[in-house]
Amino acid sequence: MTATPRLRVLAAMSGGVDSAVAAARAAEAGHDVTGVHLALSANPQSFRTGARGCCTLEDSRDARRAADVIGIPFYVWDLAERFREDVVDDFVDEYRAGRTPNPCLRCNERIKFAALLDRALALGFDAVCTGHYARIVTRPDGEREMHRASDEAKDQSYVLGVLDARQLAHALFPLGDTLTTKAEIRVEAERRGLAVAKKPDSHDICFIADGDTQGFLAARLGAAEGDILDEDGERIGTHQGAHGFTVGQRKGLRVGRPAPDGKPRYVLDISPVDNTVTVGPAESLDIRSLTAIRPRWCGAPPQGPARYTAQLRAHGDETPVTAAPEGEELRVSFDAPVRGVAPGQAVVLYDGTRVVGSATIAATRRASDEAAAGH
């Protein structure tokens, strides 16, 4: 049996229980581990306070205490400016353009496995370790593949689908291989003497201090009154900024006039050019195909159309698709209509449990449009 090579590993420690246990497991496996906490805000108090998120001074201290218990060196690296440019500003720009971004996915792509990994490699480290739930499988030819976590209920491969072959070659996910519940991870942390064992999980968006996404966007994009239209283009209400809406949204539409059939209305389209929001019935959210841009492949790019399953949200279900790369675009057709897909979201393709790659949704085609066209 071949022994696991001893690697110089940089463990990204957020101050939460998952990353602390991941660092401890990497050290226990015999690797030379150094912990690092990423300072992502020039003013840590402007990010989440308490244990609800990451990026606070408290989180930095929790990470340092965990590293002390594990017995590994620990540093804090200031990536606040890079985070603001690549994640926060990108988030605001996407909403300004009428799209719905996933900032966690962008952070993995541009911060943890770009800025952090590049610095780690420059300093002589072999790999970056995180507390994500995903698996790395090494093929007989030495190439590495990313797969769903053994416990698919905790799988986080969707937000890692942006990683390319080079990044995967230097990634370590110690939590992805074991069938452990979150309660068991906490028990393990307690057994290891880690004070974060009982710390609540982070939720929402770490850089929005109070969880009010609409307020955060309004403060940066301002109020701009526009029209709410029905599918026929008739004005049925007004809004204070198209950035306050996302495709599939039902609540908070503030439409005074009920639909003719009495059924709820949903956001169907957001047009930042003329600052309009179009609403309609739930069935108008059904789409049969989409076009995505900026594809990123977790290995060699696919050649021609092929059958996959696709995931469209971080906690969404898989759906069977036919997908084909076309230059810098990806065309995806669904076997059955899917509902509420918003431009800006990521589509991640899977071949069984293997992550094939991802792309950013640019445009969708409704099932009703395809039916009208005779498809």
Protein backbone atom coordinates (compact mmCIF):
# COMPACT_ATOMS: atom_id res chain seq x y z
CA MET A 1 0.00 0.00 0.00
CA THR A 2 1.47 3.34 -1.09
CA ALA A 3 1.85 5.84 1.73
CA THR A 4 0.26 9.27 1.31
CA PRO A 5 3.00 11.76 0.46
CA ARG A 6 3.67 14.41 3.08
CA LEU A 7 2.61 17.77 1.69
CA ARG A 8 3.11 21.36 2.77
CA VAL A 9 -0.50 22.40 3.23
CA LEU A 10 -2.00 25.86 3.75
CA ALA A 11 -5.30 25.43 5.62
CA ALA A 12 -7.82 28.23 5.10
CA MET A 13 -9.43 28.67 8.53
CA SER A 14 -12.60 30.78 8.58
CA GLY A 15 -13.13 30.49 12.32
CA GLY A 16 -15.88 27.88 11.89
CA VAL A 17 -16.03 24.22 12.88
CA ASP A 18 -15.67 22.71 9.39
CA SER A 19 -12.41 24.43 8.47
CA ALA A 20 -10.97 23.75 11.93
CA VAL A 21 -11.69 20.01 11.71
CA ALA A 22 -10.37 19.94 8.13
CA ALA A 23 -7.08 21.51 9.27
CA ALA A 24 -6.86 19.06 12.18
CA ARG A 25 -7.45 16.08 9.89
CA ALA A 26 -4.78 17.31 7.45
CA ALA A 27 -2.28 17.61 10.31
CA GLU A 28 -3.27 14.20 11.68
CA ALA A 29 -2.68 12.70 8.21
CA GLY A 30 0.97 13.71 8.55
CA HIS A 31 1.00 16.83 6.39
CA ASP A 32 3.01 19.93 7.30
CA VAL A 33 0.06 22.28 7.91
CA THR A 34 0.00 26.04 8.37
CA GLY A 35 -3.27 27.80 9.18
CA VAL A 36 -4.30 31.09 7.61
CA HIS A 37 -7.32 33.29 8.20
CA LEU A 38 -8.35 35.61 5.39
CA ALA A 39 -9.12 39.16 6.50
CA LEU A 40 -11.67 40.09 3.86
CA SER A 41 -12.88 43.45 5.15
CA ALA A 42 -10.91 46.62 5.71
CA ASN A 43 -13.34 47.20 8.59
CA PRO A 44 -14.19 43.77 10.10
CA GLN A 45 -17.08 45.27 12.07
CA SER A 46 -18.83 46.03 8.79
CA PHE A 47 -19.21 42.33 8.12
CA ARG A 48 -21.22 39.90 10.22
CA THR A 49 -20.95 40.13 13.99
CA GLY A 50 -21.29 37.20 16.33
CA ALA A 51 -21.25 33.64 15.07
CA ARG A 52 -23.70 34.02 12.16
CA GLY A 53 -21.20 34.58 9.40
CA CYS A 54 -17.51 34.86 8.67
CA CYS A 55 -14.95 37.61 8.27
CA THR A 56 -15.26 39.18 11.75
CA LEU A 57 -12.60 39.83 14.37
CA GLU A 58 -14.23 37.11 16.48
CA ASP A 59 -13.80 34.63 13.63
CA SER A 60 -10.12 35.52 13.33
CA ARG A 61 -9.63 34.87 17.05
CA ASP A 62 -11.57 31.59 16.87
CA ALA A 63 -9.36 30.44 13.99
CA ARG A 64 -6.19 31.36 15.89
CA ARG A 65 -7.34 29.46 19.00
CA ALA A 66 -8.13 26.39 16.85
CA ALA A 67 -4.68 26.52 15.24
CA ASP A 68 -3.08 26.72 18.71
CA VAL A 69 -4.99 23.61 19.82
CA ILE A 70 -4.04 21.71 16.64
CA GLY A 71 -0.45 22.82 17.12
CA ILE A 72 0.14 24.49 13.76
CA PRO A 73 1.55 27.90 12.81
CA PHE A 74 -1.11 30.53 12.10
CA TYR A 75 -1.22 33.77 10.13
CA VAL A 76 -3.79 36.35 9.06
CA TRP A 77 -3.58 37.46 5.45
CA ASP A 78 -5.17 40.71 4.34
CA LEU A 79 -7.10 40.11 1.10
CA ALA A 80 -9.69 42.82 1.76
CA GLU A 81 -8.98 44.87 -1.36
CA ARG A 82 -8.99 41.84 -3.63
CA PHE A 83 -12.21 40.58 -2.01
CA ARG A 84 -13.91 43.95 -2.48
CA GLU A 85 -12.96 44.12 -6.14
CA ASP A 86 -13.56 40.48 -7.12
CA VAL A 87 -16.54 39.57 -4.94
CA VAL A 88 -18.36 42.57 -3.44
CA ASP A 89 -18.08 44.92 -6.44
CA ASP A 90 -18.86 42.02 -8.78
CA PHE A 91 -21.99 41.23 -6.71
CA VAL A 92 -23.23 44.82 -7.02
CA ASP A 93 -22.37 45.04 -10.73
CA GLU A 94 -24.25 41.82 -11.48
CA TYR A 95 -27.41 43.11 -9.79
CA ARG A 96 -27.00 46.42 -11.62
CA ALA A 97 -27.06 44.44 -14.86
CA GLY A 98 -30.24 42.59 -13.85
CA ARG A 99 -28.51 39.31 -12.98
CA THR A 100 -28.52 37.16 -9.81
CA PRO A 101 -24.93 36.26 -8.78
CA ASN A 102 -23.63 33.65 -6.32
CA PRO A 103 -20.91 35.41 -4.27
CA CYS A 104 -19.75 32.19 -2.54
CA LEU A 105 -18.96 30.64 -5.90
CA ARG A 106 -17.13 33.79 -6.99
CA CYS A 107 -15.12 33.80 -3.74
CA ASN A 108 -13.99 30.21 -4.34
CA GLU A 109 -13.00 31.03 -7.92
CA ARG A 110 -11.19 34.31 -7.33
CA ILE A 111 -10.12 34.35 -3.69
CA LYS A 112 -9.64 30.92 -2.09
CA PHE A 113 -8.43 29.11 -5.20
CA ALA A 114 -6.85 32.02 -7.06
CA ALA A 115 -5.43 34.79 -4.84
CA LEU A 116 -4.87 32.45 -1.88
CA LEU A 117 -3.64 29.49 -3.94
CA ASP A 118 -1.28 31.64 -6.01
CA ARG A 119 0.28 33.08 -2.87
CA ALA A 120 0.50 29.62 -1.29
CA LEU A 121 2.31 28.14 -4.30
CA ALA A 122 4.68 31.11 -4.43
CA LEU A 123 5.60 30.42 -0.79
CA GLY A 124 6.33 26.75 -1.51
CA PHE A 125 3.10 25.14 -0.32
CA ASP A 126 1.78 22.12 -2.24
CA ALA A 127 -1.94 22.45 -1.54
CA VAL A 128 -4.70 24.58 -0.07
CA CYS A 129 -7.02 22.84 2.38
CA THR A 130 -10.59 24.01 3.09
CA GLY A 131 -13.59 22.71 5.02
CA HIS A 132 -15.74 22.23 1.93
CA TYR A 133 -17.68 19.00 1.52
CA ALA A 134 -16.45 17.57 -1.80
CA ARG A 135 -14.14 14.72 -2.86
CA ILE A 136 -10.96 14.66 -4.92
CA VAL A 137 -10.42 11.38 -6.78
CA THR A 138 -7.07 10.64 -8.45
CA ARG A 139 -7.37 8.59 -11.64
CA PRO A 140 -4.83 5.91 -12.64
CA ASP A 141 -3.24 8.40 -15.07
CA GLY A 142 -2.64 10.84 -12.22
CA GLU A 143 -5.31 13.35 -13.24
CA ARG A 144 -7.55 14.56 -10.42
CA GLU A 145 -11.35 14.71 -10.57
CA MET A 146 -13.78 16.45 -8.24
CA HIS A 147 -16.81 14.46 -7.10
CA ARG A 148 -19.76 15.07 -4.87
CA ALA A 149 -19.14 14.54 -1.15
CA SER A 150 -19.72 11.05 0.19
CA ASP A 151 -22.60 12.53 2.20
CA GLU A 152 -24.58 14.16 -0.61
CA ALA A 153 -26.85 15.92 1.89
CA LYS A 154 -23.87 18.17 2.78
CA ASP A 155 -22.31 18.26 -0.70
CA GLN A 156 -20.83 21.64 -1.68
CA SER A 157 -19.43 20.73 -5.09
CA TYR A 158 -21.84 23.20 -6.75
CA VAL A 159 -19.95 26.22 -5.38
CA LEU A 160 -16.63 24.55 -6.30
CA GLY A 161 -17.62 23.85 -9.91
CA VAL A 162 -15.60 26.89 -11.02
CA LEU A 163 -12.28 25.21 -10.19
CA ASP A 164 -10.13 24.19 -13.14
CA ALA A 165 -7.68 21.28 -13.42
CA ARG A 166 -4.73 23.36 -12.16
CA GLN A 167 -6.63 24.47 -9.07
CA LEU A 168 -7.90 20.95 -8.35
CA ALA A 169 -4.33 19.66 -8.52
CA HIS A 170 -3.59 21.72 -5.40
CA ALA A 171 -6.89 21.29 -3.51
CA LEU A 172 -7.48 19.27 -0.35
CA PHE A 173 -10.97 18.62 1.10
CA PRO A 174 -10.50 16.41 4.19
CA LEU A 175 -14.22 16.43 5.08
CA GLY A 176 -15.49 15.20 1.72
CA ASP A 177 -14.50 11.54 1.99
CA THR A 178 -16.30 10.56 5.16
CA LEU A 179 -19.95 9.86 5.87
CA THR A 180 -20.24 12.04 8.94
CA THR A 181 -23.20 14.11 9.99
CA LYS A 182 -22.66 17.70 11.07
CA ALA A 183 -23.38 16.57 14.64
CA GLU A 184 -20.53 14.05 14.35
CA ILE A 185 -18.20 16.76 13.02
CA ARG A 186 -19.04 18.80 16.11
CA VAL A 187 -18.40 15.79 18.36
CA GLU A 188 -15.03 15.31 16.63
CA ALA A 189 -14.21 19.00 17.15
CA GLU A 190 -15.08 18.69 20.84
CA ARG A 191 -12.96 15.55 21.15
CA ARG A 192 -10.06 17.46 19.61
CA GLY A 193 -10.54 20.27 22.12
CA LEU A 194 -11.66 22.83 19.53
CA ALA A 195 -13.76 25.59 21.11
CA VAL A 196 -15.66 26.13 17.84
CA ALA A 197 -17.39 22.75 18.29
CA LYS A 198 -20.66 24.44 19.28
CA LYS A 199 -20.33 27.54 17.07
CA PRO A 200 -23.38 27.96 14.79
CA ASP A 201 -22.94 27.58 11.05
CA SER A 202 -22.64 30.70 8.92
CA HIS A 203 -25.55 31.59 6.67
CA ASP A 204 -26.49 34.26 4.15
CA ILE A 205 -23.87 36.52 2.57
CA CYS A 206 -20.87 37.24 4.78
CA PHE A 207 -20.35 40.84 3.63
CA ILE A 208 -23.95 41.96 4.22
CA ALA A 209 -23.85 42.75 7.92
CA ASP A 210 -27.58 42.64 8.72
CA GLY A 211 -28.71 40.12 6.10
CA ASP A 212 -30.70 42.82 4.24
CA THR A 213 -29.58 42.26 0.64
CA GLN A 214 -32.07 44.74 -0.80
CA GLY A 215 -30.95 47.44 1.63
CA PHE A 216 -27.29 46.74 0.84
CA LEU A 217 -27.95 47.09 -2.90
CA ALA A 218 -30.16 50.15 -2.53
CA ALA A 219 -27.42 51.94 -0.59
CA ARG A 220 -25.00 51.35 -3.48
CA LEU A 221 -27.26 51.54 -6.50
CA GLY A 222 -29.78 54.10 -5.26
CA ALA A 223 -33.53 54.27 -5.78
CA ALA A 224 -34.77 54.52 -9.36
CA GLU A 225 -38.51 54.27 -9.88
CA GLY A 226 -39.59 52.08 -12.76
CA ASP A 227 -42.57 50.18 -14.08
CA ILE A 228 -43.83 46.71 -13.25
CA LEU A 229 -45.35 45.22 -16.39
CA ASP A 230 -47.49 42.18 -17.13
CA GLU A 231 -46.67 39.80 -19.99
CA ASP A 232 -48.61 42.00 -22.43
CA GLY A 233 -46.48 45.01 -21.51
CA GLU A 234 -49.24 46.74 -19.57
CA ARG A 235 -48.14 48.82 -16.57
CA ILE A 236 -49.62 47.34 -13.39
CA GLY A 237 -47.37 48.88 -10.73
CA THR A 238 -44.11 50.63 -9.92
CA HIS A 239 -40.91 49.76 -8.10
CA GLN A 240 -38.00 51.68 -6.54
CA GLY A 241 -35.19 49.82 -8.30
CA ALA A 242 -35.00 46.76 -10.53
CA HIS A 243 -32.01 45.58 -8.48
CA GLY A 244 -34.46 44.69 -5.70
CA PHE A 245 -35.89 41.78 -7.69
CA THR A 246 -34.80 38.38 -8.90
CA VAL A 247 -36.37 36.00 -11.40
CA GLY A 248 -38.85 33.68 -9.67
CA GLN A 249 -39.55 36.12 -6.82
CA ARG A 250 -43.15 36.15 -5.56
CA LYS A 251 -43.15 38.26 -2.39
CA GLY A 252 -42.77 42.01 -2.22
CA LEU A 253 -43.98 42.79 -5.75
CA ARG A 254 -46.36 45.53 -4.53
CA VAL A 255 -48.73 45.09 -7.47
CA GLY A 256 -52.08 46.64 -6.60
CA ARG A 257 -54.16 44.90 -9.23
CA PRO A 258 -54.75 41.14 -8.85
CA ALA A 259 -54.14 38.82 -11.80
CA PRO A 260 -57.26 38.08 -13.89
CA ASP A 261 -57.22 34.45 -12.74
CA GLY A 262 -56.54 35.38 -9.13
CA LYS A 263 -53.30 33.39 -9.01
CA PRO A 264 -49.98 34.73 -7.66
CA ARG A 265 -47.62 36.60 -9.94
CA TYR A 266 -43.87 35.98 -10.15
CA VAL A 267 -40.95 37.97 -11.54
CA LEU A 268 -40.32 36.72 -15.08
CA ASP A 269 -37.78 39.22 -16.38
CA ILE A 270 -35.67 42.16 -15.21
CA SER A 271 -34.61 44.79 -17.75
CA PRO A 272 -32.04 47.26 -16.35
CA VAL A 273 -31.93 49.12 -19.69
CA ASP A 274 -35.46 50.51 -19.31
CA ASN A 275 -35.69 49.76 -15.56
CA THR A 276 -38.73 47.50 -15.90
CA VAL A 277 -39.74 44.32 -14.10
CA THR A 278 -42.07 41.90 -15.89
CA VAL A 279 -44.34 39.63 -13.85
CA GLY A 280 -46.66 36.77 -14.74
CA PRO A 281 -47.97 33.33 -13.78
CA ALA A 282 -45.80 30.53 -12.38
CA GLU A 283 -45.99 28.46 -15.58
CA SER A 284 -44.26 31.29 -17.47
CA LEU A 285 -41.16 30.61 -15.34
CA ASP A 286 -40.72 27.19 -17.01
CA ILE A 287 -37.70 27.05 -19.32
CA ARG A 288 -36.49 24.33 -21.69
CA SER A 289 -33.00 25.58 -22.58
CA LEU A 290 -30.34 28.12 -21.67
CA THR A 291 -27.14 29.68 -22.92
CA ALA A 292 -24.29 30.13 -20.46
CA ILE A 293 -21.00 32.01 -20.77
CA ARG A 294 -17.49 31.81 -19.29
CA PRO A 295 -17.40 28.00 -19.02
CA ARG A 296 -14.81 26.61 -16.61
CA TRP A 297 -13.92 22.92 -16.85
CA CYS A 298 -12.69 20.73 -13.99
CA GLY A 299 -10.58 18.79 -16.50
CA ALA A 300 -10.42 18.48 -20.28
CA PRO A 301 -13.31 20.37 -21.98
CA PRO A 302 -16.05 18.11 -23.40
CA GLN A 303 -16.06 17.58 -27.15
CA GLY A 304 -19.50 18.03 -28.68
CA PRO A 305 -22.95 17.39 -27.18
CA ALA A 306 -23.25 14.90 -24.32
CA ARG A 307 -25.66 13.78 -21.63
CA TYR A 308 -25.25 15.09 -18.08
CA THR A 309 -27.22 16.14 -15.07
CA ALA A 310 -27.26 19.83 -14.18
CA GLN A 311 -27.60 21.67 -10.88
CA LEU A 312 -28.81 25.28 -10.97
CA ARG A 313 -28.73 26.32 -7.30
CA ALA A 314 -26.48 25.61 -4.34
CA HIS A 315 -29.10 23.36 -2.74
CA GLY A 316 -31.08 22.50 -5.85
CA ASP A 317 -31.91 19.14 -7.35
CA GLU A 318 -30.19 17.63 -10.37
CA THR A 319 -32.03 17.52 -13.68
CA PRO A 320 -31.14 15.53 -16.85
CA VAL A 321 -29.79 17.64 -19.72
CA THR A 322 -28.00 17.59 -23.04
CA ALA A 323 -25.15 20.11 -23.05
CA ALA A 324 -22.70 21.20 -25.71
CA PRO A 325 -19.83 23.72 -25.56
CA GLU A 326 -19.81 26.18 -28.45
CA GLY A 327 -16.69 28.31 -28.30
CA GLU A 328 -16.95 30.51 -25.22
CA GLU A 329 -20.57 29.51 -24.64
CA LEU A 330 -22.38 26.47 -23.30
CA ARG A 331 -25.79 25.38 -24.64
CA VAL A 332 -27.96 23.37 -22.26
CA SER A 333 -31.30 21.71 -23.10
CA PHE A 334 -33.47 20.22 -20.35
CA ASP A 335 -35.36 16.95 -20.72
CA ALA A 336 -38.26 18.51 -18.80
CA PRO A 337 -39.00 22.17 -18.07
CA VAL A 338 -37.30 23.69 -15.02
CA ARG A 339 -38.63 26.70 -13.16
CA GLY A 340 -37.25 30.02 -11.99
CA VAL A 341 -33.78 30.05 -13.57
CA ALA A 342 -32.15 33.47 -13.38
CA PRO A 343 -29.35 34.92 -15.51
CA GLY A 344 -26.23 35.28 -13.38
CA GLN A 345 -26.71 31.95 -11.63
CA ALA A 346 -24.28 29.11 -12.28
CA VAL A 347 -25.16 25.91 -14.11
CA VAL A 348 -22.91 23.06 -12.93
CA LEU A 349 -22.71 19.85 -14.98
CA TYR A 350 -22.23 16.38 -13.48
CA ASP A 351 -21.38 12.99 -14.96
CA GLY A 352 -22.62 10.74 -12.17
CA THR A 353 -20.91 12.18 -9.09
CA ARG A 354 -18.07 13.76 -11.10
CA VAL A 355 -18.14 17.52 -11.56
CA VAL A 356 -17.58 18.27 -15.24
CA GLY A 357 -17.57 22.06 -15.05
CA SER A 358 -19.72 25.16 -14.76
CA ALA A 359 -20.76 28.29 -16.60
CA THR A 360 -22.70 31.48 -15.86
CA ILE A 361 -26.26 31.59 -17.20
CA ALA A 362 -26.64 34.43 -19.71
CA ALA A 363 -30.05 33.76 -21.30
CA THR A 364 -32.95 31.34 -21.01
CA ARG A 365 -35.63 30.16 -23.40
CA ARG A 366 -39.10 29.59 -22.01
CA ALA A 367 -41.02 26.39 -22.57
CA SER A 368 -43.95 28.48 -23.86
CA ASP A 369 -41.71 30.17 -26.47
CA GLU A 370 -40.43 26.80 -27.71
CA ALA A 371 -43.98 25.45 -27.88
CA ALA A 372 -45.09 28.48 -29.89
CA ALA A 373 -42.13 27.98 -32.24
CA GLY A 374 -43.17 24.37 -32.83
CA HIS A 375 -40.30 22.67 -30.96
